[in-house]
PDB file of N, CA and C in Angstrom:
ATOM      1  N   MET A   1     110.712  95.122 132.961  1.00  0.00           N
ATOM      2  CA  MET A   1     111.613  94.568 132.235  1.00  0.00           C
ATOM      3  C   MET A   1     111.166  93.272 131.191  1.00  0.00           C
ATOM      4  N   PRO A   2     111.385  93.542 130.106  1.00  0.00           N
ATOM      5  CA  PRO A   2     110.749  92.269 129.360  1.00  0.00           C
ATOM      6  C   PRO A   2     111.700  91.409 129.541  1.00  0.00           C
ATOM      7  N   VAL A   3     111.047  89.966 129.654  1.00  0.00           N
ATOM      8  CA  VAL A   3     111.959  88.718 129.575  1.00  0.00           C
ATOM      9  C   VAL A   3     112.245  88.091 127.978  1.00  0.00           C
ATOM     10  N   PRO A   4     113.385  87.986 128.074  1.00  0.00           N
ATOM     11  CA  PRO A   4     113.702  87.269 126.804  1.00  0.00           C
ATOM     12  C   PRO A   4     113.113  86.532 125.931  1.00  0.00           C
ATOM     13  N   TYR A   5     112.805  85.131 126.632  1.00  0.00           N
ATOM     14  CA  TYR A   5     112.136  84.061 126.247  1.00  0.00           C
ATOM     15  C   TYR A   5     110.872  84.192 125.455  1.00  0.00           C
ATOM     16  N   LEU A   6     110.188  85.332 126.180  1.00  0.00           N
ATOM     17  CA  LEU A   6     108.643  85.530 125.690  1.00  0.00           C
ATOM     18  C   LEU A   6     108.548  85.478 124.214  1.00  0.00           C
ATOM     19  N   SER A   7     109.107  86.579 123.692  1.00  0.00           N
ATOM     20  CA  SER A   7     109.220  86.504 122.397  1.00  0.00           C
ATOM     21  C   SER A   7     109.922  85.283 121.612  1.00  0.00           C
ATOM     22  N   HIS A   8     110.796  84.759 122.121  1.00  0.00           N
ATOM     23  CA  HIS A   8     111.331  83.564 121.254  1.00  0.00           C
ATOM     24  C   HIS A   8     110.613  82.439 121.445  1.00  0.00           C
ATOM     25  N   PHE A   9     109.650  82.167 122.518  1.00  0.00           N
ATOM     26  CA  PHE A   9     108.631  81.074 122.448  1.00  0.00           C
ATOM     27  C   PHE A   9     106.970  81.489 122.191  1.00  0.00           C
ATOM     28  N   ASN A  10     107.115  82.804 121.698  1.00  0.00           N
ATOM     29  CA  ASN A  10     105.629  83.262 121.280  1.00  0.00           C
ATOM     30  C   ASN A  10     104.632  83.375 122.570  1.00  0.00           C
ATOM     31  N   LEU A  11     105.668  83.573 123.562  1.00  0.00           N
ATOM     32  CA  LEU A  11     104.533  83.786 124.867  1.00  0.00           C
ATOM     33  C   LEU A  11     104.143  85.302 124.885  1.00  0.00           C
ATOM     34  N   THR A  12     102.851  85.072 125.713  1.00  0.00           N
ATOM     35  CA  THR A  12     102.049  86.525 125.914  1.00  0.00           C
ATOM     36  C   THR A  12     102.398  86.966 127.126  1.00  0.00           C
ATOM     37  N   GLU A  13     102.603  86.109 128.350  1.00  0.00           N
ATOM     38  CA  GLU A  13     102.742  86.250 129.510  1.00  0.00           C
ATOM     39  C   GLU A  13     104.076  85.068 129.973  1.00  0.00           C
ATOM     40  N   GLU A  14     104.585  85.657 131.411  1.00  0.00           N
ATOM     41  CA  GLU A  14     105.254  84.529 131.808  1.00  0.00           C
ATOM     42  C   GLU A  14     104.802  83.254 132.127  1.00  0.00           C
ATOM     43  N   PRO A  15     105.235  81.835 132.105  1.00  0.00           N
ATOM     44  CA  PRO A  15     104.499  80.643 132.408  1.00  0.00           C
ATOM     45  C   PRO A  15     104.778  80.206 133.845  1.00  0.00           C
ATOM     46  N   PHE A  16     105.599  80.948 134.554  1.00  0.00           N
ATOM     47  CA  PHE A  16     105.877  80.654 136.040  1.00  0.00           C
ATOM     48  C   PHE A  16     105.664  81.627 136.665  1.00  0.00           C
ATOM     49  N   SER A  17     105.068  81.562 137.854  1.00  0.00           N
ATOM     50  CA  SER A  17     105.033  82.798 138.766  1.00  0.00           C
ATOM     51  C   SER A  17     105.047  82.237 140.430  1.00  0.00           C
ATOM     52  N   THR A  18     105.410  83.222 140.980  1.00  0.00           N
ATOM     53  CA  THR A  18     105.406  82.790 142.623  1.00  0.00           C
ATOM     54  C   THR A  18     104.204  83.019 143.318  1.00  0.00           C
ATOM     55  N   VAL A  19     103.122  83.185 142.583  1.00  0.00           N
ATOM     56  CA  VAL A  19     101.730  83.595 142.824  1.00  0.00           C
ATOM     57  C   VAL A  19     100.704  82.693 142.138  1.00  0.00           C
ATOM     58  N   PRO A  20     100.141  81.817 142.828  1.00  0.00           N
ATOM     59  CA  PRO A  20      99.132  80.747 142.024  1.00  0.00           C
ATOM     60  C   PRO A  20      98.458  81.546 141.352  1.00  0.00           C
ATOM     61  N   ASN A  21      97.798  80.832 140.370  1.00  0.00           N
ATOM     62  CA  ASN A  21      97.255  81.614 139.136  1.00  0.00           C
ATOM     63  C   ASN A  21      95.923  80.580 139.087  1.00  0.00           C
ATOM     64  N   PRO A  22      94.962  80.855 139.146  1.00  0.00           N
ATOM     65  CA  PRO A  22      93.567  80.184 139.194  1.00  0.00           C
ATOM     66  C   PRO A  22      93.419  79.715 137.542  1.00  0.00           C
ATOM     67  N   ARG A  23      93.832  80.959 136.676  1.00  0.00           N
ATOM     68  CA  ARG A  23      93.659  80.662 135.078  1.00  0.00           C
ATOM     69  C   ARG A  23      94.384  79.331 134.475  1.00  0.00           C
ATOM     70  N   TYR A  24      95.466  78.788 135.299  1.00  0.00           N
ATOM     71  CA  TYR A  24      96.137  77.788 134.838  1.00  0.00           C
ATOM     72  C   TYR A  24      95.967  76.331 135.536  1.00  0.00           C
ATOM     73  N   PHE A  25      94.890  76.329 136.567  1.00  0.00           N
ATOM     74  CA  PHE A  25      94.594  75.411 137.394  1.00  0.00           C
ATOM     75  C   PHE A  25      94.201  74.178 136.564  1.00  0.00           C
ATOM     76  N   PHE A  26      94.664  72.998 137.020  1.00  0.00           N
ATOM     77  CA  PHE A  26      94.155  71.864 136.081  1.00  0.00           C
ATOM     78  C   PHE A  26      93.454  71.291 137.337  1.00  0.00           C
ATOM     79  N   LEU A  27      92.258  70.907 136.898  1.00  0.00           N
ATOM     80  CA  LEU A  27      91.311  70.185 137.746  1.00  0.00           C
ATOM     81  C   LEU A  27      91.350  68.921 137.585  1.00  0.00           C
ATOM     82  N   THR A  28      91.707  68.111 138.810  1.00  0.00           N
ATOM     83  CA  THR A  28      91.944  66.403 138.731  1.00  0.00           C
ATOM     84  C   THR A  28      90.851  66.305 139.414  1.00  0.00           C
ATOM     85  N   PRO A  29      90.271  64.887 139.617  1.00  0.00           N
ATOM     86  CA  PRO A  29      89.157  64.563 140.147  1.00  0.00           C
ATOM     87  C   PRO A  29      89.098  64.874 141.721  1.00  0.00           C
ATOM     88  N   ILE A  30      90.323  64.864 142.356  1.00  0.00           N
ATOM     89  CA  ILE A  30      90.431  65.162 143.904  1.00  0.00           C
ATOM     90  C   ILE A  30      90.207  66.741 144.103  1.00  0.00           C
ATOM     91  N   HIS A  31      91.175  67.442 142.946  1.00  0.00           N
ATOM     92  CA  HIS A  31      90.355  69.077 143.137  1.00  0.00           C
ATOM     93  C   HIS A  31      89.050  69.083 143.026  1.00  0.00           C
ATOM     94  N   ALA A  32      88.571  68.561 141.961  1.00  0.00           N
ATOM     95  CA  ALA A  32      86.785  68.670 141.643  1.00  0.00           C
ATOM     96  C   ALA A  32      86.251  68.319 142.806  1.00  0.00           C
ATOM     97  N   THR A  33      86.483  67.109 143.572  1.00  0.00           N
ATOM     98  CA  THR A  33      86.123  66.956 144.774  1.00  0.00           C
ATOM     99  C   THR A  33      86.180  67.883 145.825  1.00  0.00           C
ATOM    100  N   ALA A  34      87.424  68.522 145.954  1.00  0.00           N
ATOM    101  CA  ALA A  34      87.576  69.585 147.098  1.00  0.00           C
ATOM    102  C   ALA A  34      86.718  70.920 146.904  1.00  0.00           C
ATOM    103  N   LEU A  35      86.862  71.237 145.365  1.00  0.00           N
ATOM    104  CA  LEU A  35      86.333  72.510 144.911  1.00  0.00           C
ATOM    105  C   LEU A  35      84.614  72.152 145.281  1.00  0.00           C
ATOM    106  N   GLY A  36      84.055  71.115 144.935  1.00  0.00           N
ATOM    107  CA  GLY A  36      82.855  70.975 145.181  1.00  0.00           C
ATOM    108  C   GLY A  36      82.257  70.983 146.647  1.00  0.00           C
ATOM    109  N   LYS A  37      82.966  70.413 147.279  1.00  0.00           N
ATOM    110  CA  LYS A  37      82.767  69.841 148.549  1.00  0.00           C
ATOM    111  C   LYS A  37      82.437  71.428 149.461  1.00  0.00           C
ATOM    112  N   THR A  38      83.806  72.049 148.878  1.00  0.00           N
ATOM    113  CA  THR A  38      83.961  73.486 149.716  1.00  0.00           C
ATOM    114  C   THR A  38      82.903  74.468 149.155  1.00  0.00           C
ATOM    115  N   GLU A  39      82.390  74.596 148.174  1.00  0.00           N
ATOM    116  CA  GLU A  39      81.606  75.203 147.548  1.00  0.00           C
ATOM    117  C   GLU A  39      80.251  74.942 148.160  1.00  0.00           C
ATOM    118  N   PHE A  40      79.931  73.965 148.198  1.00  0.00           N
ATOM    119  CA  PHE A  40      78.567  73.214 148.790  1.00  0.00           C
ATOM    120  C   PHE A  40      78.639  73.816 150.189  1.00  0.00           C
ATOM    121  N   THR A  41      79.747  73.571 151.236  1.00  0.00           N
ATOM    122  CA  THR A  41      79.432  74.038 152.407  1.00  0.00           C
ATOM    123  C   THR A  41      79.626  75.428 152.638  1.00  0.00           C
ATOM    124  N   VAL A  42      79.916  76.238 151.898  1.00  0.00           N
ATOM    125  CA  VAL A  42      79.897  77.629 152.077  1.00  0.00           C
ATOM    126  C   VAL A  42      78.603  78.091 151.431  1.00  0.00           C
ATOM    127  N   GLU A  43      77.882  77.636 150.360  1.00  0.00           N
ATOM    128  CA  GLU A  43      76.467  77.980 149.783  1.00  0.00           C
ATOM    129  C   GLU A  43      75.346  77.281 150.657  1.00  0.00           C
ATOM    130  N   ALA A  44      75.532  76.543 151.296  1.00  0.00           N
ATOM    131  CA  ALA A  44      74.359  75.596 152.094  1.00  0.00           C
ATOM    132  C   ALA A  44      74.665  76.243 153.430  1.00  0.00           C
ATOM    133  N   LYS A  45      75.548  77.276 153.887  1.00  0.00           N
ATOM    134  CA  LYS A  45      76.101  77.455 155.175  1.00  0.00           C
ATOM    135  C   LYS A  45      76.062  76.490 156.433  1.00  0.00           C
ATOM    136  N   LYS A  46      76.801  75.700 155.860  1.00  0.00           N
ATOM    137  CA  LYS A  46      77.040  74.304 156.735  1.00  0.00           C
ATOM    138  C   LYS A  46      78.230  74.410 157.797  1.00  0.00           C
ATOM    139  N   GLY A  47      78.986  75.508 157.656  1.00  0.00           N
ATOM    140  CA  GLY A  47      80.072  75.590 158.586  1.00  0.00           C
ATOM    141  C   GLY A  47      81.700  75.723 157.844  1.00  0.00           C
ATOM    142  N   LEU A  48      82.444  75.312 158.435  1.00  0.00           N
ATOM    143  CA  LEU A  48      83.804  75.813 158.167  1.00  0.00           C
ATOM    144  C   LEU A  48      84.056  74.492 157.306  1.00  0.00           C
ATOM    145  N   ALA A  49      85.120  74.799 156.392  1.00  0.00           N
ATOM    146  CA  ALA A  49      85.479  73.793 155.118  1.00  0.00           C
ATOM    147  C   ALA A  49      86.974  74.029 155.079  1.00  0.00           C
ATOM    148  N   ILE A  50      87.401  72.965 155.413  1.00  0.00           N
ATOM    149  CA  ILE A  50      88.918  72.943 155.647  1.00  0.00           C
ATOM    150  C   ILE A  50      89.817  71.963 154.353  1.00  0.00           C
ATOM    151  N   VAL A  51      90.757  72.462 153.441  1.00  0.00           N
ATOM    152  CA  VAL A  51      91.388  71.825 152.444  1.00  0.00           C
ATOM    153  C   VAL A  51      92.966  71.455 152.815  1.00  0.00           C
ATOM    154  N   VAL A  52      93.280  70.462 153.176  1.00  0.00           N
ATOM    155  CA  VAL A  52      94.740  70.278 153.227  1.00  0.00           C
ATOM    156  C   VAL A  52      95.276  69.470 152.617  1.00  0.00           C
ATOM    157  N   GLY A  53      96.700  69.453 152.477  1.00  0.00           N
ATOM    158  CA  GLY A  53      97.741  68.738 151.385  1.00  0.00           C
ATOM    159  C   GLY A  53      98.815  69.124 151.708  1.00  0.00           C
ATOM    160  N   ASP A  54      99.880  68.589 150.902  1.00  0.00           N
ATOM    161  CA  ASP A  54     101.117  68.435 150.976  1.00  0.00           C
ATOM    162  C   ASP A  54     101.301  69.696 150.083  1.00  0.00           C
ATOM    163  N   THR A  55     102.786  70.585 150.340  1.00  0.00           N
ATOM    164  CA  THR A  55     103.384  71.772 149.443  1.00  0.00           C
ATOM    165  C   THR A  55     103.490  71.382 148.126  1.00  0.00           C
ATOM    166  N   GLY A  56     102.487  72.382 147.584  1.00  0.00           N
ATOM    167  CA  GLY A  56     102.535  72.310 146.155  1.00  0.00           C
ATOM    168  C   GLY A  56     101.485  71.225 145.072  1.00  0.00           C
ATOM    169  N   VAL A  57     100.410  70.980 145.820  1.00  0.00           N
ATOM    170  CA  VAL A  57      99.349  70.388 145.275  1.00  0.00           C
ATOM    171  C   VAL A  57      98.081  71.258 145.045  1.00  0.00           C
ATOM    172  N   GLY A  58      98.305  72.388 144.940  1.00  0.00           N
ATOM    173  CA  GLY A  58      97.490  73.474 144.640  1.00  0.00           C
ATOM    174  C   GLY A  58      96.327  73.933 145.494  1.00  0.00           C
ATOM    175  N   LYS A  59      96.283  73.820 146.752  1.00  0.00           N
ATOM    176  CA  LYS A  59      95.604  74.397 147.853  1.00  0.00           C
ATOM    177  C   LYS A  59      95.496  75.653 147.522  1.00  0.00           C
ATOM    178  N   SER A  60      96.709  76.730 147.449  1.00  0.00           N
ATOM    179  CA  SER A  60      96.476  78.170 147.420  1.00  0.00           C
ATOM    180  C   SER A  60      95.814  78.524 145.975  1.00  0.00           C
ATOM    181  N   THR A  61      96.113  77.672 144.940  1.00  0.00           N
ATOM    182  CA  THR A  61      95.448  77.804 143.641  1.00  0.00           C
ATOM    183  C   THR A  61      93.658  77.771 143.782  1.00  0.00           C
ATOM    184  N   LEU A  62      93.683  76.728 144.139  1.00  0.00           N
ATOM    185  CA  LEU A  62      92.056  76.480 144.295  1.00  0.00           C
ATOM    186  C   LEU A  62      91.497  77.278 145.614  1.00  0.00           C
ATOM    187  N   ALA A  63      92.248  77.983 146.844  1.00  0.00           N
ATOM    188  CA  ALA A  63      91.872  79.061 147.251  1.00  0.00           C
ATOM    189  C   ALA A  63      91.576  80.277 146.638  1.00  0.00           C
ATOM    190  N   ARG A  64      92.248  80.720 145.482  1.00  0.00           N
ATOM    191  CA  ARG A  64      92.299  81.758 144.724  1.00  0.00           C
ATOM    192  C   ARG A  64      90.940  81.466 144.052  1.00  0.00           C
ATOM    193  N   LEU A  65      90.802  80.360 143.400  1.00  0.00           N
ATOM    194  CA  LEU A  65      89.765  80.004 142.312  1.00  0.00           C
ATOM    195  C   LEU A  65      88.528  80.081 143.015  1.00  0.00           C
ATOM    196  N   LEU A  66      88.344  79.558 144.135  1.00  0.00           N
ATOM    197  CA  LEU A  66      87.081  79.541 145.111  1.00  0.00           C
ATOM    198  C   LEU A  66      86.748  80.921 145.487  1.00  0.00           C
ATOM    199  N   HIS A  67      87.753  81.629 145.795  1.00  0.00           N
ATOM    200  CA  HIS A  67      87.416  83.356 146.077  1.00  0.00           C
ATOM    201  C   HIS A  67      87.174  83.952 145.169  1.00  0.00           C
ATOM    202  N   GLN A  68      87.347  83.867 143.781  1.00  0.00           N
ATOM    203  CA  GLN A  68      86.795  84.354 142.463  1.00  0.00           C
ATOM    204  C   GLN A  68      85.611  84.042 142.388  1.00  0.00           C
ATOM    205  N   LYS A  69      85.080  82.619 142.337  1.00  0.00           N
ATOM    206  CA  LYS A  69      83.866  82.057 142.082  1.00  0.00           C
ATOM    207  C   LYS A  69      82.993  82.848 143.148  1.00  0.00           C
ATOM    208  N   PHE A  70      83.284  82.945 144.152  1.00  0.00           N
ATOM    209  CA  PHE A  70      82.414  83.391 145.506  1.00  0.00           C
ATOM    210  C   PHE A  70      82.219  84.897 145.316  1.00  0.00           C
ATOM    211  N   LEU A  71      83.017  85.603 144.776  1.00  0.00           N
ATOM    212  CA  LEU A  71      82.979  87.211 144.180  1.00  0.00           C
ATOM    213  C   LEU A  71      82.040  87.205 143.152  1.00  0.00           C
ATOM    214  N   ASP A  72      81.950  86.252 142.243  1.00  0.00           N
ATOM    215  CA  ASP A  72      81.145  86.209 140.911  1.00  0.00           C
ATOM    216  C   ASP A  72      79.855  86.148 141.301  1.00  0.00           C
ATOM    217  N   LYS A  73      79.624  85.088 142.299  1.00  0.00           N
ATOM    218  CA  LYS A  73      78.359  84.892 142.847  1.00  0.00           C
ATOM    219  C   LYS A  73      77.646  85.736 143.842  1.00  0.00           C
ATOM    220  N   GLY A  74      78.364  86.882 143.956  1.00  0.00           N
ATOM    221  CA  GLY A  74      77.795  87.838 144.995  1.00  0.00           C
ATOM    222  C   GLY A  74      77.997  87.646 146.560  1.00  0.00           C
ATOM    223  N   PHE A  75      79.042  86.495 146.788  1.00  0.00           N
ATOM    224  CA  PHE A  75      79.501  86.564 148.292  1.00  0.00           C
ATOM    225  C   PHE A  75      80.037  87.416 148.533  1.00  0.00           C
ATOM    226  N   ILE A  76      80.429  88.028 150.103  1.00  0.00           N
ATOM    227  CA  ILE A  76      81.285  88.789 150.587  1.00  0.00           C
ATOM    228  C   ILE A  76      82.675  87.810 150.610  1.00  0.00           C
ATOM    229  N   SER A  77      83.770  88.174 150.206  1.00  0.00           N
ATOM    230  CA  SER A  77      84.816  87.437 150.562  1.00  0.00           C
ATOM    231  C   SER A  77      85.978  87.959 150.340  1.00  0.00           C
ATOM    232  N   VAL A  78      86.849  87.497 151.474  1.00  0.00           N
ATOM    233  CA  VAL A  78      88.372  88.007 151.399  1.00  0.00           C
ATOM    234  C   VAL A  78      89.109  86.831 151.260  1.00  0.00           C
ATOM    235  N   LEU A  79      90.342  86.890 150.786  1.00  0.00           N
ATOM    236  CA  LEU A  79      91.267  85.895 150.671  1.00  0.00           C
ATOM    237  C   LEU A  79      92.809  86.401 151.634  1.00  0.00           C
ATOM    238  N   LEU A  80      92.907  85.477 152.485  1.00  0.00           N
ATOM    239  CA  LEU A  80      93.895  85.260 153.620  1.00  0.00           C
ATOM    240  C   LEU A  80      94.855  84.710 153.016  1.00  0.00           C
ATOM    241  N   THR A  81      96.125  85.422 152.555  1.00  0.00           N
ATOM    242  CA  THR A  81      97.445  84.605 152.025  1.00  0.00           C
ATOM    243  C   THR A  81      98.424  84.280 153.048  1.00  0.00           C
ATOM    244  N   ASN A  82      98.385  84.808 154.210  1.00  0.00           N
ATOM    245  CA  ASN A  82      99.549  84.502 155.427  1.00  0.00           C
ATOM    246  C   ASN A  82      99.068  83.070 156.235  1.00  0.00           C
ATOM    247  N   PRO A  83      99.869  82.367 155.812  1.00  0.00           N
ATOM    248  CA  PRO A  83      99.473  81.289 156.680  1.00  0.00           C
ATOM    249  C   PRO A  83      99.756  81.041 157.876  1.00  0.00           C
ATOM    250  N   SER A  84     100.285  81.971 158.392  1.00  0.00           N
ATOM    251  CA  SER A  84     100.990  81.786 159.795  1.00  0.00           C
ATOM    252  C   SER A  84     100.596  83.256 160.665  1.00  0.00           C
ATOM    253  N   TYR A  85      99.911  83.285 161.511  1.00  0.00           N
ATOM    254  CA  TYR A  85      99.366  84.590 162.651  1.00  0.00           C
ATOM    255  C   TYR A  85      99.887  83.967 164.068  1.00  0.00           C
ATOM    256  N   PRO A  86     100.664  84.943 164.634  1.00  0.00           N
ATOM    257  CA  PRO A  86     101.196  84.474 165.923  1.00  0.00           C
ATOM    258  C   PRO A  86     100.151  84.106 167.197  1.00  0.00           C
ATOM    259  N   THR A  87      98.807  84.988 166.927  1.00  0.00           N
ATOM    260  CA  THR A  87      98.027  84.723 167.740  1.00  0.00           C
ATOM    261  C   THR A  87      96.692  84.950 167.243  1.00  0.00           C
ATOM    262  N   PRO A  88      95.643  84.236 167.954  1.00  0.00           N
ATOM    263  CA  PRO A  88      94.005  84.342 167.464  1.00  0.00           C
ATOM    264  C   PRO A  88      93.970  86.004 166.916  1.00  0.00           C
ATOM    265  N   ASN A  89      94.090  86.524 167.851  1.00  0.00           N
ATOM    266  CA  ASN A  89      93.727  87.953 167.779  1.00  0.00           C
ATOM    267  C   ASN A  89      94.443  88.564 166.725  1.00  0.00           C
ATOM    268  N   SER A  90      95.645  88.086 166.221  1.00  0.00           N
ATOM    269  CA  SER A  90      96.174  88.852 164.903  1.00  0.00           C
ATOM    270  C   SER A  90      95.470  88.472 163.714  1.00  0.00           C
ATOM    271  N   LEU A  91      94.964  86.968 163.823  1.00  0.00           N
ATOM    272  CA  LEU A  91      94.208  86.837 162.691  1.00  0.00           C
ATOM    273  C   LEU A  91      92.938  87.452 162.583  1.00  0.00           C
ATOM    274  N   LEU A  92      92.255  87.847 163.770  1.00  0.00           N
ATOM    275  CA  LEU A  92      90.899  88.305 163.851  1.00  0.00           C
ATOM    276  C   LEU A  92      91.243  89.649 163.137  1.00  0.00           C
ATOM    277  N   ARG A  93      92.006  90.135 163.757  1.00  0.00           N
ATOM    278  CA  ARG A  93      92.504  92.085 163.155  1.00  0.00           C
ATOM    279  C   ARG A  93      92.759  91.838 161.573  1.00  0.00           C
ATOM    280  N   THR A  94      93.405  90.923 161.418  1.00  0.00           N
ATOM    281  CA  THR A  94      93.393  90.904 159.936  1.00  0.00           C
ATOM    282  C   THR A  94      92.312  90.662 159.003  1.00  0.00           C
ATOM    283  N   ILE A  95      91.114  89.642 159.597  1.00  0.00           N
ATOM    284  CA  ILE A  95      90.089  89.609 158.780  1.00  0.00           C
ATOM    285  C   ILE A  95      89.383  90.813 158.891  1.00  0.00           C
ATOM    286  N   ILE A  96      89.142  91.546 159.993  1.00  0.00           N
ATOM    287  CA  ILE A  96      88.449  92.623 160.523  1.00  0.00           C
ATOM    288  C   ILE A  96      88.933  93.834 159.229  1.00  0.00           C
ATOM    289  N   GLN A  97      90.130  93.743 159.033  1.00  0.00           N
ATOM    290  CA  GLN A  97      90.881  94.699 158.327  1.00  0.00           C
ATOM    291  C   GLN A  97      90.531  94.578 156.870  1.00  0.00           C
ATOM    292  N   GLU A  98      90.698  93.199 156.422  1.00  0.00           N
ATOM    293  CA  GLU A  98      90.468  92.766 155.020  1.00  0.00           C
ATOM    294  C   GLU A  98      89.075  93.084 154.717  1.00  0.00           C
ATOM    295  N   TYR A  99      88.063  93.377 155.383  1.00  0.00           N
ATOM    296  CA  TYR A  99      86.710  93.616 155.153  1.00  0.00           C
ATOM    297  C   TYR A  99      86.568  95.043 155.288  1.00  0.00           C
ATOM    298  N   GLN A 100      87.719  96.023 155.344  1.00  0.00           N
ATOM    299  CA  GLN A 100      87.580  97.300 155.144  1.00  0.00           C
ATOM    300  C   GLN A 100      86.937  98.054 156.677  1.00  0.00           C
ATOM    301  N   ILE A 101      87.067  97.357 157.707  1.00  0.00           N
ATOM    302  CA  ILE A 101      87.026  98.073 158.616  1.00  0.00           C
ATOM    303  C   ILE A 101      87.705  98.653 159.442  1.00  0.00           C
ATOM    304  N   PRO A 102      87.790  99.951 159.451  1.00  0.00           N
ATOM    305  CA  PRO A 102      89.037 100.883 159.844  1.00  0.00           C
ATOM    306  C   PRO A 102      89.346 100.746 161.322  1.00  0.00           C
ATOM    307  N   LYS A 103      88.497 100.235 162.286  1.00  0.00           N
ATOM    308  CA  LYS A 103      89.001 100.044 163.774  1.00  0.00           C
ATOM    309  C   LYS A 103      88.992  98.773 164.178  1.00  0.00           C
ATOM    310  N   THR A 104      90.201  98.516 164.839  1.00  0.00           N
ATOM    311  CA  THR A 104      90.521  97.199 165.193  1.00  0.00           C
ATOM    312  C   THR A 104      91.293  97.436 166.797  1.00  0.00           C
ATOM    313  N   SER A 105      91.150  96.573 167.564  1.00  0.00           N
ATOM    314  CA  SER A 105      91.733  96.738 168.918  1.00  0.00           C
ATOM    315  C   SER A 105      92.791  95.638 168.875  1.00  0.00           C
ATOM    316  N   LYS A 106      93.223  96.296 170.262  1.00  0.00           N
ATOM    317  CA  LYS A 106      94.682  95.291 170.670  1.00  0.00           C
ATOM    318  C   LYS A 106      94.059  94.154 171.460  1.00  0.00           C
ATOM    319  N   SER A 107      92.825  94.428 172.444  1.00  0.00           N
ATOM    320  CA  SER A 107      91.805  93.498 173.106  1.00  0.00           C
ATOM    321  C   SER A 107      91.195  92.453 171.981  1.00  0.00           C
ATOM    322  N   TYR A 108      91.296  91.131 172.373  1.00  0.00           N
ATOM    323  CA  TYR A 108      90.660  90.091 171.401  1.00  0.00           C
ATOM    324  C   TYR A 108      89.198  89.962 171.647  1.00  0.00           C
ATOM    325  N   LYS A 109      88.556  90.331 172.776  1.00  0.00           N
ATOM    326  CA  LYS A 109      87.068  90.650 173.399  1.00  0.00           C
ATOM    327  C   LYS A 109      86.824  91.617 172.210  1.00  0.00           C
ATOM    328  N   ASP A 110      87.605  92.934 172.289  1.00  0.00           N
ATOM    329  CA  ASP A 110      86.892  93.647 171.453  1.00  0.00           C
ATOM    330  C   ASP A 110      86.815  93.704 170.358  1.00  0.00           C
ATOM    331  N   ASN A 111      87.865  92.912 169.401  1.00  0.00           N
ATOM    332  CA  ASN A 111      87.797  92.348 168.241  1.00  0.00           C
ATOM    333  C   ASN A 111      86.752  91.375 167.955  1.00  0.00           C
ATOM    334  N   ILE A 112      86.235  90.841 168.994  1.00  0.00           N
ATOM    335  CA  ILE A 112      85.324  89.765 168.788  1.00  0.00           C
ATOM    336  C   ILE A 112      84.252  90.407 168.532  1.00  0.00           C
ATOM    337  N   ASP A 113      83.799  91.568 169.272  1.00  0.00           N
ATOM    338  CA  ASP A 113      82.845  92.384 169.174  1.00  0.00           C
ATOM    339  C   ASP A 113      82.653  93.084 167.837  1.00  0.00           C
ATOM    340  N   ILE A 114      83.854  94.003 167.528  1.00  0.00           N
ATOM    341  CA  ILE A 114      83.748  94.068 165.987  1.00  0.00           C
ATOM    342  C   ILE A 114      83.525  93.533 164.906  1.00  0.00           C
ATOM    343  N   PHE A 115      84.060  92.235 165.072  1.00  0.00           N
ATOM    344  CA  PHE A 115      83.680  91.139 164.014  1.00  0.00           C
ATOM    345  C   PHE A 115      82.375  90.723 164.076  1.00  0.00           C
ATOM    346  N   LYS A 116      81.477  90.710 165.208  1.00  0.00           N
ATOM    347  CA  LYS A 116      80.273  90.408 165.245  1.00  0.00           C
ATOM    348  C   LYS A 116      79.492  91.313 164.823  1.00  0.00           C
ATOM    349  N   LEU A 117      79.402  92.614 165.025  1.00  0.00           N
ATOM    350  CA  LEU A 117      78.573  93.679 164.433  1.00  0.00           C
ATOM    351  C   LEU A 117      79.089  93.741 162.812  1.00  0.00           C
ATOM    352  N   MET A 118      80.235  93.307 162.280  1.00  0.00           N
ATOM    353  CA  MET A 118      80.638  93.228 161.141  1.00  0.00           C
ATOM    354  C   MET A 118      79.819  92.084 160.610  1.00  0.00           C
ATOM    355  N   VAL A 119      79.622  91.067 160.978  1.00  0.00           N
ATOM    356  CA  VAL A 119      78.931  89.765 160.448  1.00  0.00           C
ATOM    357  C   VAL A 119      77.523  90.214 160.295  1.00  0.00           C
ATOM    358  N   ARG A 120      77.042  90.936 161.478  1.00  0.00           N
ATOM    359  CA  ARG A 120      75.839  91.287 161.331  1.00  0.00           C
ATOM    360  C   ARG A 120      75.138  92.260 160.183  1.00  0.00           C
ATOM    361  N   SER A 121      76.012  93.254 160.342  1.00  0.00           N
ATOM    362  CA  SER A 121      75.807  94.100 159.056  1.00  0.00           C
ATOM    363  C   SER A 121      75.588  93.569 157.565  1.00  0.00           C
ATOM    364  N   PHE A 122      76.136  92.516 157.380  1.00  0.00           N
ATOM    365  CA  PHE A 122      75.920  91.658 156.232  1.00  0.00           C
ATOM    366  C   PHE A 122      74.551  91.195 155.733  1.00  0.00           C
ATOM    367  N   TYR A 123      73.691  91.264 156.805  1.00  0.00           N
ATOM    368  CA  TYR A 123      72.413  90.366 156.530  1.00  0.00           C
ATOM    369  C   TYR A 123      71.149  91.742 156.561  1.00  0.00           C
TER     370      TYR A 123
END
């Protein structure tokens, strides 16, 4: 359904969305630092990088931007957008499924084993 104000303001797309769009990301010095440190951590295989901040400061947009940058560089990457998983096993199952592995288990230990095999297959 066309939005009436688009033609009135000569817009080609809706200016606001419920999904963050990296195309409109404003890179502040703090965001640049978070972006740089996170990229370095991943590229140097230094472990886990965590970005924290209040609601609406750009964490999700930054995550989408990083995800696209990693894909562009040839990394194997998925983006998990649900911030709430009731158990570690549900998070692990989601990660496995996002990598298109058809088999998961109700058992946490089995999922750890599936995850390990998946990661080893990347190398």
